[in-house]
Amino acid sequence: MASVAELKAAIEAALTQVTTAQVAVRGAAEALTEAQQSLAAALAGSGHDAVSAAQAALTQAAQELDDCLSATVQVVEQAQTYAATL
């Protein structure tokens, strides 16, 4: 069985990985926002179904990234709470 210090170190290492992932998710969200803006500007006034579908897909992707980020925040909170009890 691992010692308390080893457990805390492993939790801290995992949280570092989560933080790295959060940075990547934020970067992806920013890129999607820019893509949405570019697409909207390029296709302004188009009523084509494909344009609407593309915009809806980008909106959904952005929401899913936001959901992902929210989940990782919960991971950090729960892991820190657990580590504090050790």
PDB file of N, CA and C in Angstrom:
ATOM      1  N   MET A   1       0.834  -1.183   0.000  1.00  0.00           N
ATOM      2  CA  MET A   1       0.000   0.000   0.000  1.00  0.00           C
ATOM      3  C   MET A   1       0.879   1.247   0.000  1.00  0.00           C
ATOM      4  N   ALA A   2       0.450   2.247  -0.762  1.00  0.00           N
ATOM      5  CA  ALA A   2       1.215   3.481  -0.885  1.00  0.00           C
ATOM      6  C   ALA A   2       1.099   4.316   0.389  1.00  0.00           C
ATOM      7  N   SER A   3       2.156   5.055   0.664  1.00  0.00           N
ATOM      8  CA  SER A   3       2.128   5.948   1.820  1.00  0.00           C
ATOM      9  C   SER A   3       1.275   7.167   1.501  1.00  0.00           C
ATOM     10  N   VAL A   4       0.932   7.918   2.524  1.00  0.00           N
ATOM     11  CA  VAL A   4       0.143   9.144   2.346  1.00  0.00           C
ATOM     12  C   VAL A   4       0.893  10.123   1.444  1.00  0.00           C
ATOM     13  N   ALA A   5       2.169  10.238   1.656  1.00  0.00           N
ATOM     14  CA  ALA A   5       2.968  11.151   0.825  1.00  0.00           C
ATOM     15  C   ALA A   5       2.950  10.730  -0.637  1.00  0.00           C
ATOM     16  N   GLU A   6       3.024   9.413  -0.872  1.00  0.00           N
ATOM     17  CA  GLU A   6       2.982   8.911  -2.250  1.00  0.00           C
ATOM     18  C   GLU A   6       1.617   9.163  -2.884  1.00  0.00           C
ATOM     19  N   LEU A   7       0.566   8.963  -2.110  1.00  0.00           N
ATOM     20  CA  LEU A   7      -0.784   9.238  -2.621  1.00  0.00           C
ATOM     21  C   LEU A   7      -0.951  10.711  -2.972  1.00  0.00           C
ATOM     22  N   LYS A   8      -0.503  11.573  -2.068  1.00  0.00           N
ATOM     23  CA  LYS A   8      -0.618  13.009  -2.328  1.00  0.00           C
ATOM     24  C   LYS A   8       0.191  13.413  -3.554  1.00  0.00           C
ATOM     25  N   ALA A   9       1.361  12.835  -3.714  1.00  0.00           N
ATOM     26  CA  ALA A   9       2.194  13.138  -4.881  1.00  0.00           C
ATOM     27  C   ALA A   9       1.523  12.656  -6.165  1.00  0.00           C
ATOM     28  N   ALA A  10       0.913  11.481  -6.111  1.00  0.00           N
ATOM     29  CA  ALA A  10       0.220  10.953  -7.290  1.00  0.00           C
ATOM     30  C   ALA A  10      -0.985  11.807  -7.644  1.00  0.00           C
ATOM     31  N   ILE A  11      -1.708  12.254  -6.639  1.00  0.00           N
ATOM     32  CA  ILE A  11      -2.856  13.137  -6.881  1.00  0.00           C
ATOM     33  C   ILE A  11      -2.384  14.449  -7.487  1.00  0.00           C
ATOM     34  N   GLU A  12      -1.325  14.991  -6.958  1.00  0.00           N
ATOM     35  CA  GLU A  12      -0.786  16.254  -7.479  1.00  0.00           C
ATOM     36  C   GLU A  12      -0.329  16.093  -8.928  1.00  0.00           C
ATOM     37  N   ALA A  13       0.286  14.974  -9.238  1.00  0.00           N
ATOM     38  CA  ALA A  13       0.716  14.715 -10.619  1.00  0.00           C
ATOM     39  C   ALA A  13      -0.486  14.622 -11.553  1.00  0.00           C
ATOM     40  N   ALA A  14      -1.524  13.956 -11.096  1.00  0.00           N
ATOM     41  CA  ALA A  14      -2.741  13.845 -11.908  1.00  0.00           C
ATOM     42  C   ALA A  14      -3.376  15.219 -12.113  1.00  0.00           C
ATOM     43  N   LEU A  15      -3.373  16.033 -11.074  1.00  0.00           N
ATOM     44  CA  LEU A  15      -3.959  17.372 -11.200  1.00  0.00           C
ATOM     45  C   LEU A  15      -3.147  18.255 -12.144  1.00  0.00           C
ATOM     46  N   THR A  16      -1.859  18.034 -12.194  1.00  0.00           N
ATOM     47  CA  THR A  16      -1.018  18.755 -13.159  1.00  0.00           C
ATOM     48  C   THR A  16      -1.424  18.375 -14.577  1.00  0.00           C
ATOM     49  N   GLN A  17      -1.700  17.096 -14.788  1.00  0.00           N
ATOM     50  CA  GLN A  17      -2.158  16.646 -16.100  1.00  0.00           C
ATOM     51  C   GLN A  17      -3.530  17.246 -16.432  1.00  0.00           C
ATOM     52  N   VAL A  18      -4.394  17.320 -15.448  1.00  0.00           N
ATOM     53  CA  VAL A  18      -5.713  17.925 -15.668  1.00  0.00           C
ATOM     54  C   VAL A  18      -5.557  19.395 -16.045  1.00  0.00           C
ATOM     55  N   THR A  19      -4.675  20.094 -15.362  1.00  0.00           N
ATOM     56  CA  THR A  19      -4.433  21.507 -15.669  1.00  0.00           C
ATOM     57  C   THR A  19      -3.927  21.672 -17.096  1.00  0.00           C
ATOM     58  N   THR A  20      -3.045  20.800 -17.517  1.00  0.00           N
ATOM     59  CA  THR A  20      -2.547  20.829 -18.895  1.00  0.00           C
ATOM     60  C   THR A  20      -3.697  20.611 -19.876  1.00  0.00           C
ATOM     61  N   ALA A  21      -4.565  19.677 -19.556  1.00  0.00           N
ATOM     62  CA  ALA A  21      -5.728  19.411 -20.416  1.00  0.00           C
ATOM     63  C   ALA A  21      -6.670  20.608 -20.445  1.00  0.00           C
ATOM     64  N   GLN A  22      -6.849  21.267 -19.309  1.00  0.00           N
ATOM     65  CA  GLN A  22      -7.715  22.446 -19.264  1.00  0.00           C
ATOM     66  C   GLN A  22      -7.194  23.546 -20.184  1.00  0.00           C
ATOM     67  N   VAL A  23      -5.892  23.735 -20.194  1.00  0.00           N
ATOM     68  CA  VAL A  23      -5.287  24.739 -21.083  1.00  0.00           C
ATOM     69  C   VAL A  23      -5.581  24.391 -22.536  1.00  0.00           C
ATOM     70  N   ALA A  24      -5.449  23.115 -22.873  1.00  0.00           N
ATOM     71  CA  ALA A  24      -5.727  22.676 -24.245  1.00  0.00           C
ATOM     72  C   ALA A  24      -7.195  22.867 -24.601  1.00  0.00           C
ATOM     73  N   VAL A  25      -8.086  22.558 -23.679  1.00  0.00           N
ATOM     74  CA  VAL A  25      -9.519  22.722 -23.933  1.00  0.00           C
ATOM     75  C   VAL A  25      -9.855  24.202 -24.123  1.00  0.00           C
ATOM     76  N   ARG A  26      -9.277  25.048 -23.286  1.00  0.00           N
ATOM     77  CA  ARG A  26      -9.515  26.497 -23.443  1.00  0.00           C
ATOM     78  C   ARG A  26      -9.009  26.981 -24.800  1.00  0.00           C
ATOM     79  N   GLY A  27      -7.854  26.480 -25.213  1.00  0.00           N
ATOM     80  CA  GLY A  27      -7.314  26.854 -26.523  1.00  0.00           C
ATOM     81  C   GLY A  27      -8.220  26.389 -27.648  1.00  0.00           C
ATOM     82  N   ALA A  28      -8.728  25.177 -27.529  1.00  0.00           N
ATOM     83  CA  ALA A  28      -9.646  24.661 -28.543  1.00  0.00           C
ATOM     84  C   ALA A  28     -10.936  25.478 -28.567  1.00  0.00           C
ATOM     85  N   ALA A  29     -11.424  25.856 -27.410  1.00  0.00           N
ATOM     86  CA  ALA A  29     -12.644  26.671 -27.347  1.00  0.00           C
ATOM     87  C   ALA A  29     -12.433  28.027 -28.008  1.00  0.00           C
ATOM     88  N   GLU A  30     -11.280  28.626 -27.769  1.00  0.00           N
ATOM     89  CA  GLU A  30     -10.969  29.910 -28.409  1.00  0.00           C
ATOM     90  C   GLU A  30     -10.893  29.752 -29.925  1.00  0.00           C
ATOM     91  N   ALA A  31     -10.276  28.676 -30.387  1.00  0.00           N
ATOM     92  CA  ALA A  31     -10.174  28.431 -31.825  1.00  0.00           C
ATOM     93  C   ALA A  31     -11.556  28.230 -32.436  1.00  0.00           C
ATOM     94  N   LEU A  32     -12.437  27.533 -31.735  1.00  0.00           N
ATOM     95  CA  LEU A  32     -13.800  27.345 -32.241  1.00  0.00           C
ATOM     96  C   LEU A  32     -14.560  28.664 -32.292  1.00  0.00           C
ATOM     97  N   THR A  33     -14.363  29.505 -31.316  1.00  0.00           N
ATOM     98  CA  THR A  33     -15.009  30.818 -31.323  1.00  0.00           C
ATOM     99  C   THR A  33     -14.547  31.624 -32.531  1.00  0.00           C
ATOM    100  N   GLU A  34     -13.253  31.587 -32.796  1.00  0.00           N
ATOM    101  CA  GLU A  34     -12.721  32.285 -33.968  1.00  0.00           C
ATOM    102  C   GLU A  34     -13.278  31.690 -35.255  1.00  0.00           C
ATOM    103  N   ALA A  35     -13.385  30.373 -35.299  1.00  0.00           N
ATOM    104  CA  ALA A  35     -13.945  29.711 -36.482  1.00  0.00           C
ATOM    105  C   ALA A  35     -15.399  30.100 -36.684  1.00  0.00           C
ATOM    106  N   GLN A  36     -16.159  30.169 -35.598  1.00  0.00           N
ATOM    107  CA  GLN A  36     -17.562  30.579 -35.694  1.00  0.00           C
ATOM    108  C   GLN A  36     -17.669  31.990 -36.265  1.00  0.00           C
ATOM    109  N   GLN A  37     -16.829  32.884 -35.767  1.00  0.00           N
ATOM    110  CA  GLN A  37     -16.850  34.262 -36.237  1.00  0.00           C
ATOM    111  C   GLN A  37     -16.456  34.352 -37.708  1.00  0.00           C
ATOM    112  N   SER A  38     -15.440  33.611 -38.093  1.00  0.00           N
ATOM    113  CA  SER A  38     -14.995  33.615 -39.484  1.00  0.00           C
ATOM    114  C   SER A  38     -16.063  33.052 -40.409  1.00  0.00           C
ATOM    115  N   LEU A  39     -16.668  31.957 -39.986  1.00  0.00           N
ATOM    116  CA  LEU A  39     -17.715  31.341 -40.792  1.00  0.00           C
ATOM    117  C   LEU A  39     -18.918  32.268 -40.915  1.00  0.00           C
ATOM    118  N   ALA A  40     -19.289  32.883 -39.818  1.00  0.00           N
ATOM    119  CA  ALA A  40     -20.432  33.804 -39.838  1.00  0.00           C
ATOM    120  C   ALA A  40     -20.169  34.982 -40.768  1.00  0.00           C
ATOM    121  N   ALA A  41     -18.962  35.517 -40.729  1.00  0.00           N
ATOM    122  CA  ALA A  41     -18.630  36.647 -41.587  1.00  0.00           C
ATOM    123  C   ALA A  41     -18.590  36.234 -43.060  1.00  0.00           C
ATOM    124  N   ALA A  42     -18.022  35.071 -43.318  1.00  0.00           N
ATOM    125  CA  ALA A  42     -17.886  34.618 -44.704  1.00  0.00           C
ATOM    126  C   ALA A  42     -19.222  34.241 -45.323  1.00  0.00           C
ATOM    127  N   LEU A  43     -20.125  33.755 -44.507  1.00  0.00           N
ATOM    128  CA  LEU A  43     -21.374  33.227 -45.040  1.00  0.00           C
ATOM    129  C   LEU A  43     -22.589  34.036 -44.616  1.00  0.00           C
ATOM    130  N   ALA A  44     -22.364  35.277 -44.242  1.00  0.00           N
ATOM    131  CA  ALA A  44     -23.462  36.140 -43.801  1.00  0.00           C
ATOM    132  C   ALA A  44     -24.526  36.242 -44.887  1.00  0.00           C
ATOM    133  N   GLY A  45     -25.757  36.056 -44.476  1.00  0.00           N
ATOM    134  CA  GLY A  45     -26.873  36.186 -45.401  1.00  0.00           C
ATOM    135  C   GLY A  45     -27.232  34.911 -46.131  1.00  0.00           C
ATOM    136  N   SER A  46     -26.394  33.902 -46.008  1.00  0.00           N
ATOM    137  CA  SER A  46     -26.699  32.647 -46.689  1.00  0.00           C
ATOM    138  C   SER A  46     -27.766  31.896 -45.900  1.00  0.00           C
ATOM    139  N   GLY A  47     -28.737  31.426 -46.605  1.00  0.00           N
ATOM    140  CA  GLY A  47     -29.793  30.667 -45.960  1.00  0.00           C
ATOM    141  C   GLY A  47     -29.683  29.184 -46.231  1.00  0.00           C
ATOM    142  N   HIS A  48     -28.566  28.769 -46.767  1.00  0.00           N
ATOM    143  CA  HIS A  48     -28.385  27.362 -47.135  1.00  0.00           C
ATOM    144  C   HIS A  48     -28.366  26.486 -45.887  1.00  0.00           C
ATOM    145  N   ASP A  49     -28.989  25.333 -46.014  1.00  0.00           N
ATOM    146  CA  ASP A  49     -29.068  24.399 -44.890  1.00  0.00           C
ATOM    147  C   ASP A  49     -27.685  23.964 -44.394  1.00  0.00           C
ATOM    148  N   ALA A  50     -26.745  23.810 -45.304  1.00  0.00           N
ATOM    149  CA  ALA A  50     -25.408  23.377 -44.915  1.00  0.00           C
ATOM    150  C   ALA A  50     -24.732  24.420 -44.029  1.00  0.00           C
ATOM    151  N   VAL A  51     -24.992  25.692 -44.300  1.00  0.00           N
ATOM    152  CA  VAL A  51     -24.412  26.771 -43.488  1.00  0.00           C
ATOM    153  C   VAL A  51     -24.997  26.713 -42.087  1.00  0.00           C
ATOM    154  N   SER A  52     -26.302  26.563 -41.999  1.00  0.00           N
ATOM    155  CA  SER A  52     -26.949  26.472 -40.691  1.00  0.00           C
ATOM    156  C   SER A  52     -26.448  25.260 -39.923  1.00  0.00           C
ATOM    157  N   ALA A  53     -26.284  24.145 -40.619  1.00  0.00           N
ATOM    158  CA  ALA A  53     -25.804  22.924 -39.978  1.00  0.00           C
ATOM    159  C   ALA A  53     -24.375  23.101 -39.462  1.00  0.00           C
ATOM    160  N   ALA A  54     -23.541  23.758 -40.244  1.00  0.00           N
ATOM    161  CA  ALA A  54     -22.156  23.997 -39.834  1.00  0.00           C
ATOM    162  C   ALA A  54     -22.110  24.898 -38.604  1.00  0.00           C
ATOM    163  N   GLN A  55     -22.915  25.943 -38.610  1.00  0.00           N
ATOM    164  CA  GLN A  55     -22.951  26.854 -37.461  1.00  0.00           C
ATOM    165  C   GLN A  55     -23.469  26.133 -36.214  1.00  0.00           C
ATOM    166  N   ALA A  56     -24.480  25.302 -36.389  1.00  0.00           N
ATOM    167  CA  ALA A  56     -25.022  24.549 -35.257  1.00  0.00           C
ATOM    168  C   ALA A  56     -23.987  23.568 -34.714  1.00  0.00           C
ATOM    169  N   ALA A  57     -23.237  22.937 -35.603  1.00  0.00           N
ATOM    170  CA  ALA A  57     -22.210  21.987 -35.172  1.00  0.00           C
ATOM    171  C   ALA A  57     -21.102  22.692 -34.391  1.00  0.00           C
ATOM    172  N   LEU A  58     -20.709  23.870 -34.847  1.00  0.00           N
ATOM    173  CA  LEU A  58     -19.688  24.630 -34.120  1.00  0.00           C
ATOM    174  C   LEU A  58     -20.202  25.048 -32.747  1.00  0.00           C
ATOM    175  N   THR A  59     -21.450  25.446 -32.678  1.00  0.00           N
ATOM    176  CA  THR A  59     -22.049  25.824 -31.393  1.00  0.00           C
ATOM    177  C   THR A  59     -22.073  24.628 -30.449  1.00  0.00           C
ATOM    178  N   GLN A  60     -22.460  23.472 -30.974  1.00  0.00           N
ATOM    179  CA  GLN A  60     -22.495  22.261 -30.158  1.00  0.00           C
ATOM    180  C   GLN A  60     -21.095  21.889 -29.678  1.00  0.00           C
ATOM    181  N   ALA A  61     -20.132  21.969 -30.561  1.00  0.00           N
ATOM    182  CA  ALA A  61     -18.753  21.630 -30.190  1.00  0.00           C
ATOM    183  C   ALA A  61     -18.253  22.560 -29.085  1.00  0.00           C
ATOM    184  N   ALA A  62     -18.556  23.839 -29.209  1.00  0.00           N
ATOM    185  CA  ALA A  62     -18.141  24.800 -28.187  1.00  0.00           C
ATOM    186  C   ALA A  62     -18.800  24.483 -26.847  1.00  0.00           C
ATOM    187  N   GLN A  63     -20.064  24.111 -26.864  1.00  0.00           N
ATOM    188  CA  GLN A  63     -20.773  23.760 -25.629  1.00  0.00           C
ATOM    189  C   GLN A  63     -20.180  22.501 -25.001  1.00  0.00           C
ATOM    190  N   GLU A  64     -19.832  21.543 -25.824  1.00  0.00           N
ATOM    191  CA  GLU A  64     -19.257  20.302 -25.301  1.00  0.00           C
ATOM    192  C   GLU A  64     -17.874  20.555 -24.688  1.00  0.00           C
ATOM    193  N   LEU A  65     -17.113  21.462 -25.273  1.00  0.00           N
ATOM    194  CA  LEU A  65     -15.829  21.825 -24.675  1.00  0.00           C
ATOM    195  C   LEU A  65     -16.045  22.515 -23.331  1.00  0.00           C
ATOM    196  N   ASP A  66     -17.059  23.370 -23.261  1.00  0.00           N
ATOM    197  CA  ASP A  66     -17.382  24.042 -22.002  1.00  0.00           C
ATOM    198  C   ASP A  66     -17.794  23.011 -20.950  1.00  0.00           C
ATOM    199  N   ASP A  67     -18.583  22.020 -21.348  1.00  0.00           N
ATOM    200  CA  ASP A  67     -18.981  20.950 -20.439  1.00  0.00           C
ATOM    201  C   ASP A  67     -17.756  20.169 -19.959  1.00  0.00           C
ATOM    202  N   CYS A  68     -16.846  19.918 -20.867  1.00  0.00           N
ATOM    203  CA  CYS A  68     -15.609  19.209 -20.538  1.00  0.00           C
ATOM    204  C   CYS A  68     -14.811  19.997 -19.504  1.00  0.00           C
ATOM    205  N   LEU A  69     -14.688  21.283 -19.724  1.00  0.00           N
ATOM    206  CA  LEU A  69     -13.945  22.126 -18.799  1.00  0.00           C
ATOM    207  C   LEU A  69     -14.611  22.125 -17.423  1.00  0.00           C
ATOM    208  N   SER A  70     -15.933  22.201 -17.396  1.00  0.00           N
ATOM    209  CA  SER A  70     -16.658  22.158 -16.122  1.00  0.00           C
ATOM    210  C   SER A  70     -16.400  20.849 -15.386  1.00  0.00           C
ATOM    211  N   ALA A  71     -16.375  19.761 -16.117  1.00  0.00           N
ATOM    212  CA  ALA A  71     -16.114  18.460 -15.509  1.00  0.00           C
ATOM    213  C   ALA A  71     -14.715  18.404 -14.907  1.00  0.00           C
ATOM    214  N   THR A  72     -13.743  18.982 -15.597  1.00  0.00           N
ATOM    215  CA  THR A  72     -12.379  18.947 -15.076  1.00  0.00           C
ATOM    216  C   THR A  72     -12.246  19.813 -13.824  1.00  0.00           C
ATOM    217  N   VAL A  73     -13.017  20.882 -13.753  1.00  0.00           N
ATOM    218  CA  VAL A  73     -13.010  21.704 -12.537  1.00  0.00           C
ATOM    219  C   VAL A  73     -13.516  20.869 -11.364  1.00  0.00           C
ATOM    220  N   GLN A  74     -14.549  20.078 -11.592  1.00  0.00           N
ATOM    221  CA  GLN A  74     -15.066  19.201 -10.543  1.00  0.00           C
ATOM    222  C   GLN A  74     -14.037  18.147 -10.140  1.00  0.00           C
ATOM    223  N   VAL A  75     -13.317  17.625 -11.120  1.00  0.00           N
ATOM    224  CA  VAL A  75     -12.264  16.650 -10.823  1.00  0.00           C
ATOM    225  C   VAL A  75     -11.241  17.257  -9.872  1.00  0.00           C
ATOM    226  N   VAL A  76     -10.797  18.454 -10.182  1.00  0.00           N
ATOM    227  CA  VAL A  76      -9.795  19.120  -9.354  1.00  0.00           C
ATOM    228  C   VAL A  76     -10.331  19.327  -7.938  1.00  0.00           C
ATOM    229  N   GLU A  77     -11.546  19.829  -7.835  1.00  0.00           N
ATOM    230  CA  GLU A  77     -12.132  20.077  -6.519  1.00  0.00           C
ATOM    231  C   GLU A  77     -12.231  18.793  -5.700  1.00  0.00           C
ATOM    232  N   GLN A  78     -12.723  17.731  -6.315  1.00  0.00           N
ATOM    233  CA  GLN A  78     -12.892  16.470  -5.594  1.00  0.00           C
ATOM    234  C   GLN A  78     -11.546  15.859  -5.209  1.00  0.00           C
ATOM    235  N   ALA A  79     -10.586  15.915  -6.111  1.00  0.00           N
ATOM    236  CA  ALA A  79      -9.263  15.362  -5.808  1.00  0.00           C
ATOM    237  C   ALA A  79      -8.595  16.151  -4.684  1.00  0.00           C
ATOM    238  N   GLN A  80      -8.740  17.460  -4.710  1.00  0.00           N
ATOM    239  CA  GLN A  80      -8.158  18.277  -3.644  1.00  0.00           C
ATOM    240  C   GLN A  80      -8.853  18.006  -2.308  1.00  0.00           C
ATOM    241  N   THR A  81     -10.152  17.824  -2.342  1.00  0.00           N
ATOM    242  CA  THR A  81     -10.899  17.498  -1.124  1.00  0.00           C
ATOM    243  C   THR A  81     -10.419  16.177  -0.553  1.00  0.00           C
ATOM    244  N   TYR A  82     -10.257  15.179  -1.432  1.00  0.00           N
ATOM    245  CA  TYR A  82      -9.771  13.883  -0.969  1.00  0.00           C
ATOM    246  C   TYR A  82      -8.355  13.991  -0.398  1.00  0.00           C
ATOM    247  N   ALA A  83      -7.487  14.684  -1.106  1.00  0.00           N
ATOM    248  CA  ALA A  83      -6.099  14.810  -0.670  1.00  0.00           C
ATOM    249  C   ALA A  83      -6.036  15.496   0.691  1.00  0.00           C
ATOM    250  N   ALA A  84      -6.929  16.423   0.955  1.00  0.00           N
ATOM    251  CA  ALA A  84      -6.938  17.125   2.227  1.00  0.00           C
ATOM    252  C   ALA A  84      -7.325  16.208   3.389  1.00  0.00           C
ATOM    253  N   THR A  85      -8.018  15.115   3.069  1.00  0.00           N
ATOM    254  CA  THR A  85      -8.418  14.183   4.142  1.00  0.00           C
ATOM    255  C   THR A  85      -7.329  13.177   4.475  1.00  0.00           C
ATOM    256  N   LEU A  86      -6.308  13.126   3.642  1.00  0.00           N
ATOM    257  CA  LEU A  86      -5.243  12.139   3.881  1.00  0.00           C
ATOM    258  C   LEU A  86      -4.342  12.559   5.035  1.00  0.00           C
TER     259      LEU A  86
END
